[in-house]
């Protein structure tokens, strides 16, 4: 894949981006990788020392809301840390690997966000706060097994890249793809660990600007739709689909 396809993974290939554990390691960078939880108990043997590091970052995010433009949180986060991160009003790109933060409401404050990759869980029932992120060009939703309603994506008119993915041992279920009718400028649409409950993939056929398409489907859907996609999108750079095991 080229850099455009992988745009939302910007920070994983950026070797110059620093990985920080303690706030004292921060020197005013606008792009950081953060690893402030799940700390090595040899280096941080007491619970109080580990909690102190987490609390210092929470306070930093709240007190300096214009500090960061790009943030990749590589370790498990909780609701308090998630809410604090969402005070970073200048964020343009955000990756959250995983955590327990069932309420997404605070994400509405990220008015400049262009790229979001976020991991959910069974606790996530409501994706509606994401509808406020109208500047988004790239959205990667992973492991949101707690909901089947992805209709909020229809509000994201600037989307160019969209990924809907399950987890290593989990499958996401999506009611329908009707939201694609409002995201007509998509260039990249991909799914893995994905079941479409109404089995109607026809909204994908309306994506006239697609350059990359990869849909993971149950075998019954694959046998019907793979040939349709192969013919309809024969002109695009990447058009490949797999059967869900």
C-alpha atoms as a PDB file:
ATOM      1  CA  UNK A   1       0.000   0.000   0.000  1.00  0.00           C
ATOM      2  CA  UNK A   2       1.116   3.560  -0.599  1.00  0.00           C
ATOM      3  CA  UNK A   3       1.298   6.352   1.972  1.00  0.00           C
ATOM      4  CA  UNK A   4      -2.098   7.697   0.989  1.00  0.00           C
ATOM      5  CA  UNK A   5      -3.795   4.404   1.787  1.00  0.00           C
ATOM      6  CA  UNK A   6      -2.082   4.227   5.160  1.00  0.00           C
ATOM      7  CA  UNK A   7      -2.494   7.886   6.025  1.00  0.00           C
ATOM      8  CA  UNK A   8      -4.240   7.264   9.318  1.00  0.00           C
ATOM      9  CA  UNK A   9      -1.192   5.240  10.438  1.00  0.00           C
ATOM     10  CA  UNK A  10       1.068   8.271  10.092  1.00  0.00           C
ATOM     11  CA  UNK A  11       2.822   7.929  13.421  1.00  0.00           C
ATOM     12  CA  UNK A  12       3.657   4.220  13.262  1.00  0.00           C
ATOM     13  CA  UNK A  13       6.051   4.882  10.407  1.00  0.00           C
ATOM     14  CA  UNK A  14       7.438   8.154  11.730  1.00  0.00           C
ATOM     15  CA  UNK A  15      10.698   7.160  13.426  1.00  0.00           C
ATOM     16  CA  UNK A  16      11.406  10.715  14.559  1.00  0.00           C
ATOM     17  CA  UNK A  17       8.353  10.800  16.827  1.00  0.00           C
ATOM     18  CA  UNK A  18       9.369  10.426  20.469  1.00  0.00           C
ATOM     19  CA  UNK A  19       7.795   7.859  22.773  1.00  0.00           C
ATOM     20  CA  UNK A  20       7.258   9.413  26.193  1.00  0.00           C
ATOM     21  CA  UNK A  21       6.454   7.842  29.542  1.00  0.00           C
ATOM     22  CA  UNK A  22       6.923  10.656  32.053  1.00  0.00           C
ATOM     23  CA  UNK A  23       5.855  14.245  31.593  1.00  0.00           C
ATOM     24  CA  UNK A  24       9.370  15.438  32.462  1.00  0.00           C
ATOM     25  CA  UNK A  25      10.523  13.877  29.144  1.00  0.00           C
ATOM     26  CA  UNK A  26       8.318  16.268  27.183  1.00  0.00           C
ATOM     27  CA  UNK A  27      10.168  19.165  25.541  1.00  0.00           C
ATOM     28  CA  UNK A  28       7.396  20.994  23.761  1.00  0.00           C
ATOM     29  CA  UNK A  29       6.985  18.612  20.811  1.00  0.00           C
ATOM     30  CA  UNK A  30       3.715  18.872  18.888  1.00  0.00           C
ATOM     31  CA  UNK A  31       3.836  15.162  17.865  1.00  0.00           C
ATOM     32  CA  UNK A  32       4.293  12.447  20.495  1.00  0.00           C
ATOM     33  CA  UNK A  33       3.725   8.783  21.222  1.00  0.00           C
ATOM     34  CA  UNK A  34       2.509   8.313  24.772  1.00  0.00           C
ATOM     35  CA  UNK A  35       3.015   5.288  27.001  1.00  0.00           C
ATOM     36  CA  UNK A  36       1.898   6.440  30.446  1.00  0.00           C
ATOM     37  CA  UNK A  37       0.003   3.313  31.590  1.00  0.00           C
ATOM     38  CA  UNK A  38       0.807  -0.415  31.847  1.00  0.00           C
ATOM     39  CA  UNK A  39       4.243   0.582  33.062  1.00  0.00           C
ATOM     40  CA  UNK A  40       7.094  -1.768  33.804  1.00  0.00           C
ATOM     41  CA  UNK A  41       6.857  -2.640  37.488  1.00  0.00           C
ATOM     42  CA  UNK A  42      10.617  -3.001  37.712  1.00  0.00           C
ATOM     43  CA  UNK A  43      11.128   0.637  36.778  1.00  0.00           C
ATOM     44  CA  UNK A  44       7.937   1.816  38.521  1.00  0.00           C
ATOM     45  CA  UNK A  45       7.443  -0.647  41.401  1.00  0.00           C
ATOM     46  CA  UNK A  46       4.732   1.149  43.365  1.00  0.00           C
ATOM     47  CA  UNK A  47       1.166   1.855  42.394  1.00  0.00           C
ATOM     48  CA  UNK A  48       1.545   5.430  43.609  1.00  0.00           C
ATOM     49  CA  UNK A  49       4.504   6.054  41.274  1.00  0.00           C
ATOM     50  CA  UNK A  50       2.536   4.722  38.300  1.00  0.00           C
ATOM     51  CA  UNK A  51      -0.532   6.725  39.223  1.00  0.00           C
ATOM     52  CA  UNK A  52       1.552   9.884  39.619  1.00  0.00           C
ATOM     53  CA  UNK A  53       2.779   9.594  36.014  1.00  0.00           C
ATOM     54  CA  UNK A  54      -0.772   9.147  34.708  1.00  0.00           C
ATOM     55  CA  UNK A  55      -2.117  12.056  36.755  1.00  0.00           C
ATOM     56  CA  UNK A  56       0.653  14.386  35.580  1.00  0.00           C
ATOM     57  CA  UNK A  57      -0.300  13.754  31.959  1.00  0.00           C
ATOM     58  CA  UNK A  58      -3.990  14.243  32.711  1.00  0.00           C
ATOM     59  CA  UNK A  59      -3.227  17.610  34.301  1.00  0.00           C
ATOM     60  CA  UNK A  60      -0.986  18.570  31.391  1.00  0.00           C
ATOM     61  CA  UNK A  61      -3.663  17.843  28.785  1.00  0.00           C
ATOM     62  CA  UNK A  62      -6.150  19.943  30.725  1.00  0.00           C
ATOM     63  CA  UNK A  63      -3.852  22.881  31.502  1.00  0.00           C
ATOM     64  CA  UNK A  64      -2.183  23.198  28.092  1.00  0.00           C
ATOM     65  CA  UNK A  65      -4.978  22.622  25.548  1.00  0.00           C
ATOM     66  CA  UNK A  66      -2.991  23.888  22.553  1.00  0.00           C
ATOM     67  CA  UNK A  67       0.144  21.781  23.022  1.00  0.00           C
ATOM     68  CA  UNK A  68      -0.279  18.920  20.557  1.00  0.00           C
ATOM     69  CA  UNK A  69      -1.188  18.359  16.926  1.00  0.00           C
ATOM     70  CA  UNK A  70      -0.542  14.614  16.737  1.00  0.00           C
ATOM     71  CA  UNK A  71      -0.885  12.030  19.483  1.00  0.00           C
ATOM     72  CA  UNK A  72      -0.564   8.247  19.512  1.00  0.00           C
ATOM     73  CA  UNK A  73      -1.490   6.571  22.820  1.00  0.00           C
ATOM     74  CA  UNK A  74       0.061   3.122  22.680  1.00  0.00           C
ATOM     75  CA  UNK A  75      -1.192   1.691  25.989  1.00  0.00           C
ATOM     76  CA  UNK A  76      -4.532   1.162  27.731  1.00  0.00           C
ATOM     77  CA  UNK A  77      -6.381   4.337  28.679  1.00  0.00           C
ATOM     78  CA  UNK A  78      -9.291   5.001  31.012  1.00  0.00           C
ATOM     79  CA  UNK A  79     -12.181   7.460  30.802  1.00  0.00           C
ATOM     80  CA  UNK A  80     -10.357  10.179  32.735  1.00  0.00           C
ATOM     81  CA  UNK A  81      -7.359  10.114  30.416  1.00  0.00           C
ATOM     82  CA  UNK A  82      -9.597  10.026  27.330  1.00  0.00           C
ATOM     83  CA  UNK A  83     -11.543  13.080  28.513  1.00  0.00           C
ATOM     84  CA  UNK A  84      -8.323  14.937  29.282  1.00  0.00           C
ATOM     85  CA  UNK A  85      -6.868  14.189  25.836  1.00  0.00           C
ATOM     86  CA  UNK A  86      -9.995  15.635  24.268  1.00  0.00           C
ATOM     87  CA  UNK A  87      -9.043  19.027  25.712  1.00  0.00           C
ATOM     88  CA  UNK A  88      -6.259  19.199  23.113  1.00  0.00           C
ATOM     89  CA  UNK A  89      -8.162  21.486  20.778  1.00  0.00           C
ATOM     90  CA  UNK A  90      -5.376  21.731  18.184  1.00  0.00           C
ATOM     91  CA  UNK A  91      -5.162  17.983  17.591  1.00  0.00           C
ATOM     92  CA  UNK A  92      -5.229  17.088  13.911  1.00  0.00           C
ATOM     93  CA  UNK A  93      -4.405  13.388  14.243  1.00  0.00           C
ATOM     94  CA  UNK A  94      -5.182  11.005  17.092  1.00  0.00           C
ATOM     95  CA  UNK A  95      -4.607   7.270  17.535  1.00  0.00           C
ATOM     96  CA  UNK A  96      -5.870   5.428  20.622  1.00  0.00           C
ATOM     97  CA  UNK A  97      -4.789   1.787  20.688  1.00  0.00           C
ATOM     98  CA  UNK A  98      -7.238   0.535  23.304  1.00  0.00           C
ATOM     99  CA  UNK A  99      -8.791   1.135  26.702  1.00  0.00           C
ATOM    100  CA  UNK A 100     -11.967   1.422  28.763  1.00  0.00           C
ATOM    101  CA  UNK A 101     -13.689   4.716  27.994  1.00  0.00           C
ATOM    102  CA  UNK A 102     -17.382   3.997  27.293  1.00  0.00           C
ATOM    103  CA  UNK A 103     -18.392   7.656  26.917  1.00  0.00           C
ATOM    104  CA  UNK A 104     -17.117   9.343  23.740  1.00  0.00           C
ATOM    105  CA  UNK A 105     -18.855  12.670  24.389  1.00  0.00           C
ATOM    106  CA  UNK A 106     -15.657  14.659  25.011  1.00  0.00           C
ATOM    107  CA  UNK A 107     -14.354  13.929  21.512  1.00  0.00           C
ATOM    108  CA  UNK A 108     -16.772  16.566  20.190  1.00  0.00           C
ATOM    109  CA  UNK A 109     -14.242  19.192  21.292  1.00  0.00           C
ATOM    110  CA  UNK A 110     -11.645  18.133  18.709  1.00  0.00           C
ATOM    111  CA  UNK A 111     -12.830  20.548  16.023  1.00  0.00           C
ATOM    112  CA  UNK A 112      -9.578  20.423  13.998  1.00  0.00           C
ATOM    113  CA  UNK A 113      -9.218  16.649  13.867  1.00  0.00           C
ATOM    114  CA  UNK A 114      -8.446  15.344  10.385  1.00  0.00           C
ATOM    115  CA  UNK A 115      -7.409  11.780  11.209  1.00  0.00           C
ATOM    116  CA  UNK A 116      -8.785   9.493  13.914  1.00  0.00           C
ATOM    117  CA  UNK A 117      -7.983   5.854  14.644  1.00  0.00           C
ATOM    118  CA  UNK A 118      -9.728   4.615  17.751  1.00  0.00           C
ATOM    119  CA  UNK A 119     -10.345   1.232  19.335  1.00  0.00           C
ATOM    120  CA  UNK A 120     -13.681   0.483  20.981  1.00  0.00           C
ATOM    121  CA  UNK A 121     -15.187  -2.346  23.029  1.00  0.00           C
ATOM    122  CA  UNK A 122     -18.498  -3.875  24.065  1.00  0.00           C
ATOM    123  CA  UNK A 123     -19.032  -0.859  26.342  1.00  0.00           C
ATOM    124  CA  UNK A 124     -19.351   1.496  23.375  1.00  0.00           C
ATOM    125  CA  UNK A 125     -23.037   1.755  22.500  1.00  0.00           C
ATOM    126  CA  UNK A 126     -23.194   5.271  21.108  1.00  0.00           C
ATOM    127  CA  UNK A 127     -20.996   6.556  18.289  1.00  0.00           C
ATOM    128  CA  UNK A 128     -22.974   9.790  17.843  1.00  0.00           C
ATOM    129  CA  UNK A 129     -20.247  12.107  19.294  1.00  0.00           C
ATOM    130  CA  UNK A 130     -18.092  11.275  16.269  1.00  0.00           C
ATOM    131  CA  UNK A 131     -20.647  13.025  14.047  1.00  0.00           C
ATOM    132  CA  UNK A 132     -19.337  16.359  15.348  1.00  0.00           C
ATOM    133  CA  UNK A 133     -15.909  15.744  13.785  1.00  0.00           C
ATOM    134  CA  UNK A 134     -16.848  17.220  10.423  1.00  0.00           C
ATOM    135  CA  UNK A 135     -13.228  18.037   9.527  1.00  0.00           C
ATOM    136  CA  UNK A 136     -12.285  14.336   9.509  1.00  0.00           C
ATOM    137  CA  UNK A 137     -10.680  13.067   6.339  1.00  0.00           C
ATOM    138  CA  UNK A 138      -9.544   9.702   7.744  1.00  0.00           C
ATOM    139  CA  UNK A 139     -11.448   7.488  10.164  1.00  0.00           C
ATOM    140  CA  UNK A 140     -10.472   4.068  11.452  1.00  0.00           C
ATOM    141  CA  UNK A 141     -12.913   2.406  13.862  1.00  0.00           C
ATOM    142  CA  UNK A 142     -11.740  -0.846  15.396  1.00  0.00           C
ATOM    143  CA  UNK A 143     -13.457  -3.315  17.719  1.00  0.00           C
ATOM    144  CA  UNK A 144     -16.675  -1.345  18.268  1.00  0.00           C
ATOM    145  CA  UNK A 145     -18.525  -4.568  19.008  1.00  0.00           C
ATOM    146  CA  UNK A 146     -20.965  -2.811  21.360  1.00  0.00           C
ATOM    147  CA  UNK A 147     -22.967  -1.221  18.555  1.00  0.00           C
ATOM    148  CA  UNK A 148     -24.317  -2.039  15.123  1.00  0.00           C
ATOM    149  CA  UNK A 149     -25.361   1.528  14.266  1.00  0.00           C
ATOM    150  CA  UNK A 150     -22.708   3.334  12.229  1.00  0.00           C
ATOM    151  CA  UNK A 151     -25.079   5.881  10.708  1.00  0.00           C
ATOM    152  CA  UNK A 152     -23.167   8.786  12.314  1.00  0.00           C
ATOM    153  CA  UNK A 153     -20.563   8.389   9.575  1.00  0.00           C
ATOM    154  CA  UNK A 154     -23.037   9.995   7.173  1.00  0.00           C
ATOM    155  CA  UNK A 155     -22.294  13.379   8.796  1.00  0.00           C
ATOM    156  CA  UNK A 156     -18.600  13.208   7.864  1.00  0.00           C
ATOM    157  CA  UNK A 157     -18.764  14.734   4.403  1.00  0.00           C
ATOM    158  CA  UNK A 158     -14.998  15.287   4.133  1.00  0.00           C
ATOM    159  CA  UNK A 159     -14.035  11.639   4.625  1.00  0.00           C
ATOM    160  CA  UNK A 160     -11.564  10.237   2.138  1.00  0.00           C
ATOM    161  CA  UNK A 161     -10.449   7.085   3.978  1.00  0.00           C
ATOM    162  CA  UNK A 162     -12.705   4.846   6.086  1.00  0.00           C
ATOM    163  CA  UNK A 163     -11.793   1.616   7.871  1.00  0.00           C
ATOM    164  CA  UNK A 164     -14.207  -0.542   9.889  1.00  0.00           C
ATOM    165  CA  UNK A 165     -12.409  -3.356  11.675  1.00  0.00           C
ATOM    166  CA  UNK A 166     -12.988  -6.046  14.244  1.00  0.00           C
ATOM    167  CA  UNK A 167     -10.475  -7.218  16.812  1.00  0.00           C
ATOM    168  CA  UNK A 168      -8.159 -10.222  16.767  1.00  0.00           C
ATOM    169  CA  UNK A 169     -10.815 -12.416  18.373  1.00  0.00           C
ATOM    170  CA  UNK A 170     -13.943 -10.411  17.653  1.00  0.00           C
ATOM    171  CA  UNK A 171     -16.225  -9.498  14.772  1.00  0.00           C
ATOM    172  CA  UNK A 172     -18.044  -6.211  14.398  1.00  0.00           C
ATOM    173  CA  UNK A 173     -21.624  -6.211  13.117  1.00  0.00           C
ATOM    174  CA  UNK A 174     -22.965  -3.331  11.053  1.00  0.00           C
ATOM    175  CA  UNK A 175     -26.684  -2.857  10.401  1.00  0.00           C
ATOM    176  CA  UNK A 176     -26.273  -1.402   6.920  1.00  0.00           C
ATOM    177  CA  UNK A 177     -23.985   0.681   4.712  1.00  0.00           C
ATOM    178  CA  UNK A 178     -26.503   3.416   3.933  1.00  0.00           C
ATOM    179  CA  UNK A 179     -24.152   6.001   5.438  1.00  0.00           C
ATOM    180  CA  UNK A 180     -21.886   5.571   2.405  1.00  0.00           C
ATOM    181  CA  UNK A 181     -24.483   7.401   0.321  1.00  0.00           C
ATOM    182  CA  UNK A 182     -23.435  10.598   2.128  1.00  0.00           C
ATOM    183  CA  UNK A 183     -19.677  10.008   1.974  1.00  0.00           C
ATOM    184  CA  UNK A 184     -19.365  10.147  -1.791  1.00  0.00           C
ATOM    185  CA  UNK A 185     -15.768  11.407  -1.803  1.00  0.00           C
ATOM    186  CA  UNK A 186     -14.273   8.281  -0.244  1.00  0.00           C
ATOM    187  CA  UNK A 187     -11.056   7.147  -1.891  1.00  0.00           C
ATOM    188  CA  UNK A 188     -10.343   4.253   0.469  1.00  0.00           C
ATOM    189  CA  UNK A 189     -12.821   1.863   2.110  1.00  0.00           C
ATOM    190  CA  UNK A 190     -11.654  -1.250   3.957  1.00  0.00           C
ATOM    191  CA  UNK A 191     -13.102  -3.706   6.462  1.00  0.00           C
ATOM    192  CA  UNK A 192     -11.823  -6.690   8.440  1.00  0.00           C
ATOM    193  CA  UNK A 193     -13.649  -8.888  10.956  1.00  0.00           C
ATOM    194  CA  UNK A 194     -16.884  -7.503   9.510  1.00  0.00           C
ATOM    195  CA  UNK A 195     -20.461  -8.769   9.148  1.00  0.00           C
ATOM    196  CA  UNK A 196     -23.082  -6.724   7.341  1.00  0.00           C
ATOM    197  CA  UNK A 197     -26.442  -7.587   8.864  1.00  0.00           C
ATOM    198  CA  UNK A 198     -28.636  -6.653   5.886  1.00  0.00           C
ATOM    199  CA  UNK A 199     -26.186  -8.224   3.358  1.00  0.00           C
ATOM    200  CA  UNK A 200     -26.651  -5.262   0.994  1.00  0.00           C
ATOM    201  CA  UNK A 201     -23.292  -3.937  -0.213  1.00  0.00           C
ATOM    202  CA  UNK A 202     -24.776  -1.891  -3.054  1.00  0.00           C
ATOM    203  CA  UNK A 203     -24.034   1.527  -1.427  1.00  0.00           C
ATOM    204  CA  UNK A 204     -20.345   0.799  -2.120  1.00  0.00           C
ATOM    205  CA  UNK A 205     -21.120   0.858  -5.835  1.00  0.00           C
ATOM    206  CA  UNK A 206     -22.029   4.547  -5.536  1.00  0.00           C
ATOM    207  CA  UNK A 207     -18.508   5.511  -4.420  1.00  0.00           C
ATOM    208  CA  UNK A 208     -17.340   6.939  -7.721  1.00  0.00           C
ATOM    209  CA  UNK A 209     -13.995   8.265  -6.412  1.00  0.00           C
ATOM    210  CA  UNK A 210     -12.707   5.031  -4.865  1.00  0.00           C
ATOM    211  CA  UNK A 211      -9.062   4.117  -5.424  1.00  0.00           C
ATOM    212  CA  UNK A 212      -8.816   1.299  -2.854  1.00  0.00           C
ATOM    213  CA  UNK A 213     -11.468  -1.217  -1.812  1.00  0.00           C
ATOM    214  CA  UNK A 214     -11.025  -4.220   0.460  1.00  0.00           C
ATOM    215  CA  UNK A 215     -14.062  -5.805   2.103  1.00  0.00           C
ATOM    216  CA  UNK A 216     -13.953  -8.815   4.420  1.00  0.00           C
ATOM    217  CA  UNK A 217     -17.230 -10.745   3.969  1.00  0.00           C
ATOM    218  CA  UNK A 218     -18.846 -14.001   5.091  1.00  0.00           C
ATOM    219  CA  UNK A 219     -18.648 -16.612   2.329  1.00  0.00           C
ATOM    220  CA  UNK A 220     -22.336 -16.298   1.378  1.00  0.00           C
ATOM    221  CA  UNK A 221     -21.868 -12.556   0.754  1.00  0.00           C
ATOM    222  CA  UNK A 222     -18.487 -13.001  -0.926  1.00  0.00           C
ATOM    223  CA  UNK A 223     -19.829 -15.402  -3.555  1.00  0.00           C
ATOM    224  CA  UNK A 224     -22.447 -12.848  -4.547  1.00  0.00           C
ATOM    225  CA  UNK A 225     -20.580  -9.562  -4.279  1.00  0.00           C
ATOM    226  CA  UNK A 226     -16.952 -10.306  -5.118  1.00  0.00           C
ATOM    227  CA  UNK A 227     -17.606 -10.596  -8.846  1.00  0.00           C
ATOM    228  CA  UNK A 228     -19.807  -7.500  -8.799  1.00  0.00           C
ATOM    229  CA  UNK A 229     -17.042  -5.453  -7.178  1.00  0.00           C
ATOM    230  CA  UNK A 230     -14.391  -6.945  -9.465  1.00  0.00           C
ATOM    231  CA  UNK A 231     -16.297  -5.799 -12.525  1.00  0.00           C
ATOM    232  CA  UNK A 232     -17.578  -2.447 -11.260  1.00  0.00           C
ATOM    233  CA  UNK A 233     -14.207  -1.344  -9.837  1.00  0.00           C
ATOM    234  CA  UNK A 234     -11.925  -2.980 -12.391  1.00  0.00           C
ATOM    235  CA  UNK A 235     -10.342   0.413 -13.049  1.00  0.00           C
ATOM    236  CA  UNK A 236      -9.092   1.148  -9.512  1.00  0.00           C
ATOM    237  CA  UNK A 237      -5.623   0.481  -8.083  1.00  0.00           C
ATOM    238  CA  UNK A 238      -6.685  -2.029  -5.458  1.00  0.00           C
ATOM    239  CA  UNK A 239      -9.897  -4.060  -5.470  1.00  0.00           C
ATOM    240  CA  UNK A 240      -9.576  -7.246  -3.420  1.00  0.00           C
ATOM    241  CA  UNK A 241     -11.893  -8.965  -0.977  1.00  0.00           C
ATOM    242  CA  UNK A 242     -11.624 -11.874   1.419  1.00  0.00           C
ATOM    243  CA  UNK A 243     -14.056 -14.326   2.933  1.00  0.00           C
ATOM    244  CA  UNK A 244     -14.519 -14.016   6.689  1.00  0.00           C
ATOM    245  CA  UNK A 245     -13.237 -17.177   8.335  1.00  0.00           C
END
